[in-house]
């Protein structure tokens, strides 16, 4: 009969604890916000190109 090591459970949960700790401190941005910023940036570039006469 093989004996279990008592420390094996603690070692395997250490990675999960680090994962949850890092998630609490991370900056969370919604995907809709990222898409909106990208679309607005693209439109701003097009408007500036048109206003400076660089429009093809």
PDB file of N, CA and C in Angstrom:
ATOM      1  N   UNK A   1       0.831  -1.166   0.000  1.00  0.00           N
ATOM      2  CA  UNK A   1       0.000   0.000   0.000  1.00  0.00           C
ATOM      3  C   UNK A   1       0.886   1.244   0.000  1.00  0.00           C
ATOM      4  N   UNK A   2       0.703   2.080  -0.981  1.00  0.00           N
ATOM      5  CA  UNK A   2       1.519   3.288  -1.098  1.00  0.00           C
ATOM      6  C   UNK A   2       0.954   4.396  -0.228  1.00  0.00           C
ATOM      7  N   UNK A   3       1.852   5.142   0.379  1.00  0.00           N
ATOM      8  CA  UNK A   3       1.410   6.253   1.217  1.00  0.00           C
ATOM      9  C   UNK A   3       1.388   7.540   0.410  1.00  0.00           C
ATOM     10  N   UNK A   4       0.415   8.376   0.688  1.00  0.00           N
ATOM     11  CA  UNK A   4       0.331   9.680   0.030  1.00  0.00           C
ATOM     12  C   UNK A   4       1.239  10.662   0.737  1.00  0.00           C
ATOM     13  N   UNK A   5       1.770  11.578  -0.023  1.00  0.00           N
ATOM     14  CA  UNK A   5       2.534  12.669   0.574  1.00  0.00           C
ATOM     15  C   UNK A   5       1.551  13.740   1.017  1.00  0.00           C
ATOM     16  N   UNK A   6       1.719  14.231   2.205  1.00  0.00           N
ATOM     17  CA  UNK A   6       0.772  15.217   2.730  1.00  0.00           C
ATOM     18  C   UNK A   6       0.937  16.578   2.059  1.00  0.00           C
ATOM     19  N   UNK A   7       2.101  16.893   1.559  1.00  0.00           N
ATOM     20  CA  UNK A   7       2.351  18.205   0.985  1.00  0.00           C
ATOM     21  C   UNK A   7       1.898  18.341  -0.457  1.00  0.00           C
ATOM     22  N   UNK A   8       1.454  17.265  -1.107  1.00  0.00           N
ATOM     23  CA  UNK A   8       1.118  17.337  -2.530  1.00  0.00           C
ATOM     24  C   UNK A   8      -0.102  18.218  -2.789  1.00  0.00           C
ATOM     25  N   UNK A   9      -1.090  18.226  -1.899  1.00  0.00           N
ATOM     26  CA  UNK A   9      -2.269  19.063  -2.089  1.00  0.00           C
ATOM     27  C   UNK A   9      -1.949  20.536  -1.988  1.00  0.00           C
ATOM     28  N   UNK A  10      -1.051  20.867  -1.101  1.00  0.00           N
ATOM     29  CA  UNK A  10      -0.662  22.256  -0.914  1.00  0.00           C
ATOM     30  C   UNK A  10       0.117  22.784  -2.108  1.00  0.00           C
ATOM     31  N   UNK A  11       0.959  21.945  -2.685  1.00  0.00           N
ATOM     32  CA  UNK A  11       1.756  22.354  -3.837  1.00  0.00           C
ATOM     33  C   UNK A  11       0.877  22.586  -5.064  1.00  0.00           C
ATOM     34  N   UNK A  12      -0.130  21.753  -5.258  1.00  0.00           N
ATOM     35  CA  UNK A  12      -0.957  21.895  -6.456  1.00  0.00           C
ATOM     36  C   UNK A  12      -1.883  23.101  -6.364  1.00  0.00           C
ATOM     37  N   UNK A  13      -2.250  23.520  -5.181  1.00  0.00           N
ATOM     38  CA  UNK A  13      -3.149  24.663  -5.047  1.00  0.00           C
ATOM     39  C   UNK A  13      -2.402  25.992  -5.050  1.00  0.00           C
ATOM     40  N   UNK A  14      -1.084  25.973  -4.983  1.00  0.00           N
ATOM     41  CA  UNK A  14      -0.317  27.217  -4.950  1.00  0.00           C
ATOM     42  C   UNK A  14      -0.473  27.992  -6.260  1.00  0.00           C
ATOM     43  N   UNK A  15      -0.513  27.306  -7.389  1.00  0.00           N
ATOM     44  CA  UNK A  15      -0.694  27.976  -8.670  1.00  0.00           C
ATOM     45  C   UNK A  15      -2.057  28.623  -8.791  1.00  0.00           C
ATOM     46  N   UNK A  16      -3.085  27.964  -8.269  1.00  0.00           N
ATOM     47  CA  UNK A  16      -4.429  28.541  -8.312  1.00  0.00           C
ATOM     48  C   UNK A  16      -4.520  29.784  -7.447  1.00  0.00           C
ATOM     49  N   UNK A  17      -3.862  29.761  -6.315  1.00  0.00           N
ATOM     50  CA  UNK A  17      -3.886  30.931  -5.438  1.00  0.00           C
ATOM     51  C   UNK A  17      -3.201  32.114  -6.115  1.00  0.00           C
ATOM     52  N   UNK A  18      -2.098  31.870  -6.787  1.00  0.00           N
ATOM     53  CA  UNK A  18      -1.419  32.958  -7.504  1.00  0.00           C
ATOM     54  C   UNK A  18      -2.285  33.474  -8.640  1.00  0.00           C
ATOM     55  N   UNK A  19      -2.992  32.574  -9.342  1.00  0.00           N
ATOM     56  CA  UNK A  19      -3.862  32.974 -10.444  1.00  0.00           C
ATOM     57  C   UNK A  19      -4.975  33.891  -9.949  1.00  0.00           C
ATOM     58  N   UNK A  20      -5.631  33.526  -8.861  1.00  0.00           N
ATOM     59  CA  UNK A  20      -6.720  34.343  -8.352  1.00  0.00           C
ATOM     60  C   UNK A  20      -6.218  35.651  -7.763  1.00  0.00           C
ATOM     61  N   UNK A  21      -5.029  35.659  -7.190  1.00  0.00           N
ATOM     62  CA  UNK A  21      -4.464  36.902  -6.671  1.00  0.00           C
ATOM     63  C   UNK A  21      -4.166  37.868  -7.801  1.00  0.00           C
ATOM     64  N   UNK A  22      -3.654  37.381  -8.913  1.00  0.00           N
ATOM     65  CA  UNK A  22      -3.322  38.272 -10.028  1.00  0.00           C
ATOM     66  C   UNK A  22      -4.580  38.791 -10.714  1.00  0.00           C
ATOM     67  N   UNK A  23      -5.648  38.011 -10.699  1.00  0.00           N
ATOM     68  CA  UNK A  23      -6.888  38.455 -11.336  1.00  0.00           C
ATOM     69  C   UNK A  23      -7.537  39.585 -10.551  1.00  0.00           C
ATOM     70  N   UNK A  24      -7.371  39.593  -9.262  1.00  0.00           N
ATOM     71  CA  UNK A  24      -7.968  40.648  -8.453  1.00  0.00           C
ATOM     72  C   UNK A  24      -7.311  41.998  -8.713  1.00  0.00           C
ATOM     73  N   UNK A  25      -6.032  42.008  -9.054  1.00  0.00           N
ATOM     74  CA  UNK A  25      -5.318  43.263  -9.243  1.00  0.00           C
ATOM     75  C   UNK A  25      -5.270  43.694 -10.706  1.00  0.00           C
ATOM     76  N   UNK A  26      -5.764  42.883 -11.619  1.00  0.00           N
ATOM     77  CA  UNK A  26      -5.698  43.204 -13.040  1.00  0.00           C
ATOM     78  C   UNK A  26      -6.738  44.269 -13.402  1.00  0.00           C
ATOM     79  N   UNK A  27      -6.400  45.079 -14.414  1.00  0.00           N
ATOM     80  CA  UNK A  27      -7.339  46.071 -14.931  1.00  0.00           C
ATOM     81  C   UNK A  27      -8.260  45.359 -15.912  1.00  0.00           C
ATOM     82  N   UNK A  28      -9.556  45.444 -15.678  1.00  0.00           N
ATOM     83  CA  UNK A  28     -10.518  44.762 -16.531  1.00  0.00           C
ATOM     84  C   UNK A  28     -11.194  45.767 -17.452  1.00  0.00           C
ATOM     85  N   UNK A  29     -11.096  45.517 -18.760  1.00  0.00           N
ATOM     86  CA  UNK A  29     -11.719  46.370 -19.767  1.00  0.00           C
ATOM     87  C   UNK A  29     -12.669  45.488 -20.565  1.00  0.00           C
ATOM     88  N   UNK A  30     -13.881  45.955 -20.741  1.00  0.00           N
ATOM     89  CA  UNK A  30     -14.861  45.186 -21.493  1.00  0.00           C
ATOM     90  C   UNK A  30     -14.510  45.183 -22.981  1.00  0.00           C
ATOM     91  N   UNK A  31     -14.811  44.097 -23.688  1.00  0.00           N
ATOM     92  CA  UNK A  31     -14.530  44.026 -25.129  1.00  0.00           C
ATOM     93  C   UNK A  31     -15.239  45.117 -25.925  1.00  0.00           C
ATOM     94  N   UNK A  32     -16.447  45.511 -25.515  1.00  0.00           N
ATOM     95  CA  UNK A  32     -17.165  46.579 -26.225  1.00  0.00           C
ATOM     96  C   UNK A  32     -16.394  47.891 -26.154  1.00  0.00           C
ATOM     97  N   UNK A  33     -15.749  48.137 -25.024  1.00  0.00           N
ATOM     98  CA  UNK A  33     -14.960  49.359 -24.863  1.00  0.00           C
ATOM     99  C   UNK A  33     -13.764  49.362 -25.808  1.00  0.00           C
ATOM    100  N   UNK A  34     -13.108  48.227 -25.938  1.00  0.00           N
ATOM    101  CA  UNK A  34     -11.948  48.125 -26.834  1.00  0.00           C
ATOM    102  C   UNK A  34     -12.365  48.341 -28.280  1.00  0.00           C
ATOM    103  N   UNK A  35     -13.469  47.729 -28.693  1.00  0.00           N
ATOM    104  CA  UNK A  35     -13.951  47.885 -30.071  1.00  0.00           C
ATOM    105  C   UNK A  35     -14.363  49.324 -30.326  1.00  0.00           C
ATOM    106  N   UNK A  36     -15.037  49.958 -29.375  1.00  0.00           N
ATOM    107  CA  UNK A  36     -15.460  51.349 -29.528  1.00  0.00           C
ATOM    108  C   UNK A  36     -14.259  52.273 -29.677  1.00  0.00           C
ATOM    109  N   UNK A  37     -13.246  52.087 -28.863  1.00  0.00           N
ATOM    110  CA  UNK A  37     -12.035  52.921 -28.964  1.00  0.00           C
ATOM    111  C   UNK A  37     -11.348  52.711 -30.302  1.00  0.00           C
ATOM    112  N   UNK A  38     -11.303  51.465 -30.789  1.00  0.00           N
ATOM    113  CA  UNK A  38     -10.674  51.187 -32.079  1.00  0.00           C
ATOM    114  C   UNK A  38     -11.436  51.852 -33.227  1.00  0.00           C
ATOM    115  N   UNK A  39     -12.774  51.774 -33.199  1.00  0.00           N
ATOM    116  CA  UNK A  39     -13.582  52.391 -34.263  1.00  0.00           C
ATOM    117  C   UNK A  39     -13.432  53.902 -34.234  1.00  0.00           C
ATOM    118  N   UNK A  40     -13.478  54.497 -33.049  1.00  0.00           N
ATOM    119  CA  UNK A  40     -13.336  55.949 -32.942  1.00  0.00           C
ATOM    120  C   UNK A  40     -11.948  56.411 -33.387  1.00  0.00           C
ATOM    121  N   UNK A  41     -10.923  55.639 -33.077  1.00  0.00           N
ATOM    122  CA  UNK A  41      -9.567  55.988 -33.519  1.00  0.00           C
ATOM    123  C   UNK A  41      -9.463  55.920 -35.038  1.00  0.00           C
ATOM    124  N   UNK A  42     -10.062  54.884 -35.625  1.00  0.00           N
ATOM    125  CA  UNK A  42     -10.050  54.757 -37.085  1.00  0.00           C
ATOM    126  C   UNK A  42     -10.786  55.894 -37.763  1.00  0.00           C
ATOM    127  N   UNK A  43     -11.931  56.272 -37.208  1.00  0.00           N
ATOM    128  CA  UNK A  43     -12.676  57.396 -37.779  1.00  0.00           C
ATOM    129  C   UNK A  43     -11.904  58.709 -37.643  1.00  0.00           C
ATOM    130  N   UNK A  44     -11.228  58.891 -36.511  1.00  0.00           N
ATOM    131  CA  UNK A  44     -10.431  60.099 -36.318  1.00  0.00           C
ATOM    132  C   UNK A  44      -9.306  60.180 -37.346  1.00  0.00           C
ATOM    133  N   UNK A  45      -8.676  59.064 -37.645  1.00  0.00           N
ATOM    134  CA  UNK A  45      -7.609  59.044 -38.655  1.00  0.00           C
ATOM    135  C   UNK A  45      -8.185  59.387 -40.027  1.00  0.00           C
ATOM    136  N   UNK A  46      -9.333  58.828 -40.371  1.00  0.00           N
ATOM    137  CA  UNK A  46      -9.949  59.133 -41.670  1.00  0.00           C
ATOM    138  C   UNK A  46     -10.334  60.603 -41.780  1.00  0.00           C
ATOM    139  N   UNK A  47     -10.889  61.168 -40.719  1.00  0.00           N
ATOM    140  CA  UNK A  47     -11.285  62.578 -40.733  1.00  0.00           C
ATOM    141  C   UNK A  47     -10.057  63.470 -40.856  1.00  0.00           C
ATOM    142  N   UNK A  48      -9.003  63.169 -40.125  1.00  0.00           N
ATOM    143  CA  UNK A  48      -7.779  63.976 -40.215  1.00  0.00           C
ATOM    144  C   UNK A  48      -7.135  63.859 -41.593  1.00  0.00           C
ATOM    145  N   UNK A  49      -7.151  62.657 -42.181  1.00  0.00           N
ATOM    146  CA  UNK A  49      -6.626  62.495 -43.533  1.00  0.00           C
ATOM    147  C   UNK A  49      -7.417  63.329 -44.537  1.00  0.00           C
ATOM    148  N   UNK A  50      -8.728  63.337 -44.397  1.00  0.00           N
ATOM    149  CA  UNK A  50      -9.578  64.100 -45.320  1.00  0.00           C
ATOM    150  C   UNK A  50      -9.364  65.598 -45.126  1.00  0.00           C
ATOM    151  N   UNK A  51      -9.201  66.028 -43.876  1.00  0.00           N
ATOM    152  CA  UNK A  51      -9.052  67.460 -43.638  1.00  0.00           C
ATOM    153  C   UNK A  51      -7.704  68.002 -44.090  1.00  0.00           C
ATOM    154  N   UNK A  52      -6.675  67.158 -44.109  1.00  0.00           N
ATOM    155  CA  UNK A  52      -5.368  67.612 -44.558  1.00  0.00           C
ATOM    156  C   UNK A  52      -5.122  67.292 -46.038  1.00  0.00           C
ATOM    157  N   UNK A  53      -6.100  66.787 -46.720  1.00  0.00           N
ATOM    158  CA  UNK A  53      -5.976  66.545 -48.160  1.00  0.00           C
ATOM    159  C   UNK A  53      -5.170  65.308 -48.506  1.00  0.00           C
ATOM    160  N   UNK A  54      -5.009  64.378 -47.620  1.00  0.00           N
ATOM    161  CA  UNK A  54      -4.242  63.169 -47.881  1.00  0.00           C
ATOM    162  C   UNK A  54      -5.161  62.041 -48.340  1.00  0.00           C
ATOM    163  N   UNK A  55      -6.446  62.318 -48.384  1.00  0.00           N
ATOM    164  CA  UNK A  55      -7.421  61.300 -48.772  1.00  0.00           C
ATOM    165  C   UNK A  55      -7.150  60.853 -50.199  1.00  0.00           C
ATOM    166  N   UNK A  56      -7.128  59.552 -50.424  1.00  0.00           N
ATOM    167  CA  UNK A  56      -6.793  59.071 -51.801  1.00  0.00           C
ATOM    168  C   UNK A  56      -7.827  59.377 -52.839  1.00  0.00           C
TER     169      UNK A  56
END
